[in-house]
Amino acid sequence: MVAGLNTRVRIWRMDDIDDDIVGGARISGTVAYDYVRARIEANKEEQILLQQGLENPRKTYNALIVPGNLDIRERDELEVMKPVDHIYYGKRFRIVGIQFSSMDGSNPNNYTRLALTRSERAHASQ
């Protein structure tokens, strides 16, 4: 058992579906995995960029998920499901990088490390 996994997440597979009747592209999400054990942490801001007065509009995050043999892809989204008092509860993150463990896939401690950005939804109320 990998220590420190303090949350459960849902992995959404983001797929392009057929265009609508006026030719607009649509993206649809399907739940690929539910209640996956995970830990999410925010990355520190780059001090050198802050000293130069540059702004980084996209905060990045790291996640560790178990088991490590899941079919996770870039562009999938990760949503925090539990606990309900988690700082990122109900928030979605876009997966932008995947690093698989070098452990044997049958090892129960096998994990996957993910690089994430916050997935901001325009018109979230629709």
Protein backbone atom coordinates (compact mmCIF):
# COMPACT_ATOMS: atom_id res chain seq x y z
CA MET A 1 0.00 0.00 0.00
CA VAL A 2 1.41 3.39 -1.00
CA ALA A 3 1.30 5.72 2.02
CA GLY A 4 -0.26 9.18 1.93
CA LEU A 5 -3.10 8.55 -0.51
CA ASN A 6 -5.71 10.82 1.07
CA THR A 7 -8.35 11.23 -1.61
CA ARG A 8 -10.43 9.38 -4.18
CA VAL A 9 -10.71 10.64 -7.74
CA ARG A 10 -12.73 9.98 -10.87
CA ILE A 11 -10.96 9.81 -14.25
CA TRP A 12 -12.93 11.21 -17.18
CA ARG A 13 -12.05 10.18 -20.75
CA MET A 14 -12.53 13.19 -22.98
CA ASP A 15 -13.61 12.21 -26.50
CA ASP A 16 -14.47 14.21 -29.59
CA ILE A 17 -17.94 13.35 -30.78
CA ASP A 18 -19.65 14.18 -34.06
CA ASP A 19 -20.10 17.87 -34.84
CA ASP A 20 -23.46 19.42 -34.07
CA ILE A 21 -25.89 20.40 -36.85
CA VAL A 22 -24.16 23.73 -37.49
CA GLY A 23 -20.66 22.23 -37.63
CA GLY A 24 -19.49 23.09 -34.12
CA ALA A 25 -17.07 20.69 -32.48
CA ARG A 26 -18.25 19.09 -29.23
CA ILE A 27 -16.31 17.30 -26.52
CA SER A 28 -17.96 14.64 -24.40
CA GLY A 29 -16.70 13.04 -21.22
CA THR A 30 -17.16 9.44 -20.14
CA VAL A 31 -16.14 8.10 -16.75
CA ALA A 32 -13.19 5.79 -17.33
CA TYR A 33 -12.37 4.99 -13.67
CA ASP A 34 -14.18 5.78 -10.45
CA TYR A 35 -12.89 6.22 -6.88
CA VAL A 36 -9.21 5.74 -7.68
CA ARG A 37 -6.90 6.25 -4.67
CA ALA A 38 -4.80 9.39 -5.11
CA ARG A 39 -2.86 12.27 -3.61
CA ILE A 40 -2.82 15.76 -5.22
CA GLU A 41 -0.44 18.59 -4.43
CA ALA A 42 0.16 21.99 -5.99
CA ASN A 43 3.60 22.79 -7.40
CA LYS A 44 5.49 25.78 -6.07
CA GLU A 45 5.72 28.88 -8.22
CA GLU A 46 9.02 29.27 -10.05
CA GLN A 47 10.91 31.81 -7.95
CA ILE A 48 13.11 32.93 -10.85
CA LEU A 49 10.01 33.83 -12.90
CA LEU A 50 8.50 35.73 -9.97
CA GLN A 51 11.74 37.68 -9.51
CA GLN A 52 11.70 38.67 -13.15
CA GLY A 53 8.14 39.94 -12.79
CA LEU A 54 6.65 37.30 -15.07
CA GLU A 55 3.24 35.88 -14.32
CA ASN A 56 2.41 32.24 -14.71
CA PRO A 57 -1.30 32.09 -15.52
CA ARG A 58 -1.48 28.29 -15.25
CA LYS A 59 -0.79 26.74 -11.88
CA THR A 60 0.41 23.16 -12.11
CA TYR A 61 -0.21 20.19 -9.84
CA ASN A 62 1.13 16.67 -9.33
CA ALA A 63 -0.97 13.62 -8.54
CA LEU A 64 0.00 10.13 -7.50
CA ILE A 65 -2.58 7.44 -8.26
CA VAL A 66 -2.80 3.74 -7.41
CA PRO A 67 -3.07 1.28 -9.08
CA GLY A 68 -0.53 2.18 -11.72
CA ASN A 69 -1.83 -0.11 -14.45
CA LEU A 70 -4.82 2.03 -15.48
CA ASP A 71 -5.17 3.24 -19.07
CA ILE A 72 -4.69 6.96 -18.39
CA ARG A 73 -4.18 9.33 -21.34
CA GLU A 74 -3.23 12.95 -21.81
CA ARG A 75 -6.32 15.17 -22.14
CA ASP A 76 -8.21 12.94 -19.68
CA GLU A 77 -9.55 14.81 -16.68
CA LEU A 78 -9.27 13.99 -12.99
CA GLU A 79 -12.09 15.00 -10.60
CA VAL A 80 -11.76 14.88 -6.80
CA MET A 81 -14.63 12.82 -5.31
CA LYS A 82 -13.69 12.26 -1.64
CA PRO A 83 -13.39 13.47 1.05
CA VAL A 84 -16.05 16.16 0.80
CA ASP A 85 -13.94 18.56 2.89
CA HIS A 86 -10.94 18.26 0.53
CA ILE A 87 -9.66 21.61 -0.75
CA TYR A 88 -10.16 20.43 -4.36
CA TYR A 89 -13.45 18.59 -3.83
CA GLY A 90 -15.51 18.64 -7.04
CA LYS A 91 -12.72 20.35 -9.00
CA ARG A 92 -11.42 19.01 -12.30
CA PHE A 93 -7.84 18.88 -13.49
CA ARG A 94 -6.58 18.25 -17.03
CA ILE A 95 -3.89 15.55 -17.31
CA VAL A 96 -0.95 16.99 -19.27
CA GLY A 97 1.76 14.46 -18.43
CA ILE A 98 1.98 10.82 -17.37
CA GLN A 99 4.90 8.99 -15.78
CA PHE A 100 4.42 5.29 -15.18
CA SER A 101 6.23 3.47 -12.39
CA SER A 102 9.00 1.06 -13.27
CA MET A 103 7.50 -1.57 -10.93
CA ASP A 104 5.92 -4.74 -12.24
CA GLY A 105 2.29 -4.13 -13.20
CA SER A 106 1.08 -6.89 -10.85
CA ASN A 107 2.78 -5.22 -7.84
CA PRO A 108 0.07 -3.82 -5.49
CA ASN A 109 2.31 -0.79 -4.80
CA ASN A 110 2.51 0.12 -8.49
CA TYR A 111 1.62 3.77 -9.07
CA THR A 112 1.37 6.42 -11.78
CA ARG A 113 2.53 10.04 -11.40
CA LEU A 114 0.46 12.66 -13.26
CA ALA A 115 1.17 16.28 -14.18
CA LEU A 116 -2.03 18.35 -14.01
CA THR A 117 -3.40 21.80 -14.74
CA ARG A 118 -6.73 23.15 -13.50
CA SER A 119 -9.52 22.60 -15.98
CA GLU A 120 -11.53 25.83 -16.05
CA ARG A 121 -14.99 25.55 -17.53
CA ALA A 122 -16.51 28.44 -19.43
CA HIS A 123 -20.27 28.58 -19.00
CA ALA A 124 -20.14 25.99 -16.20
CA SER A 125 -23.77 26.68 -15.30
CA GLN A 126 -25.05 25.47 -18.68
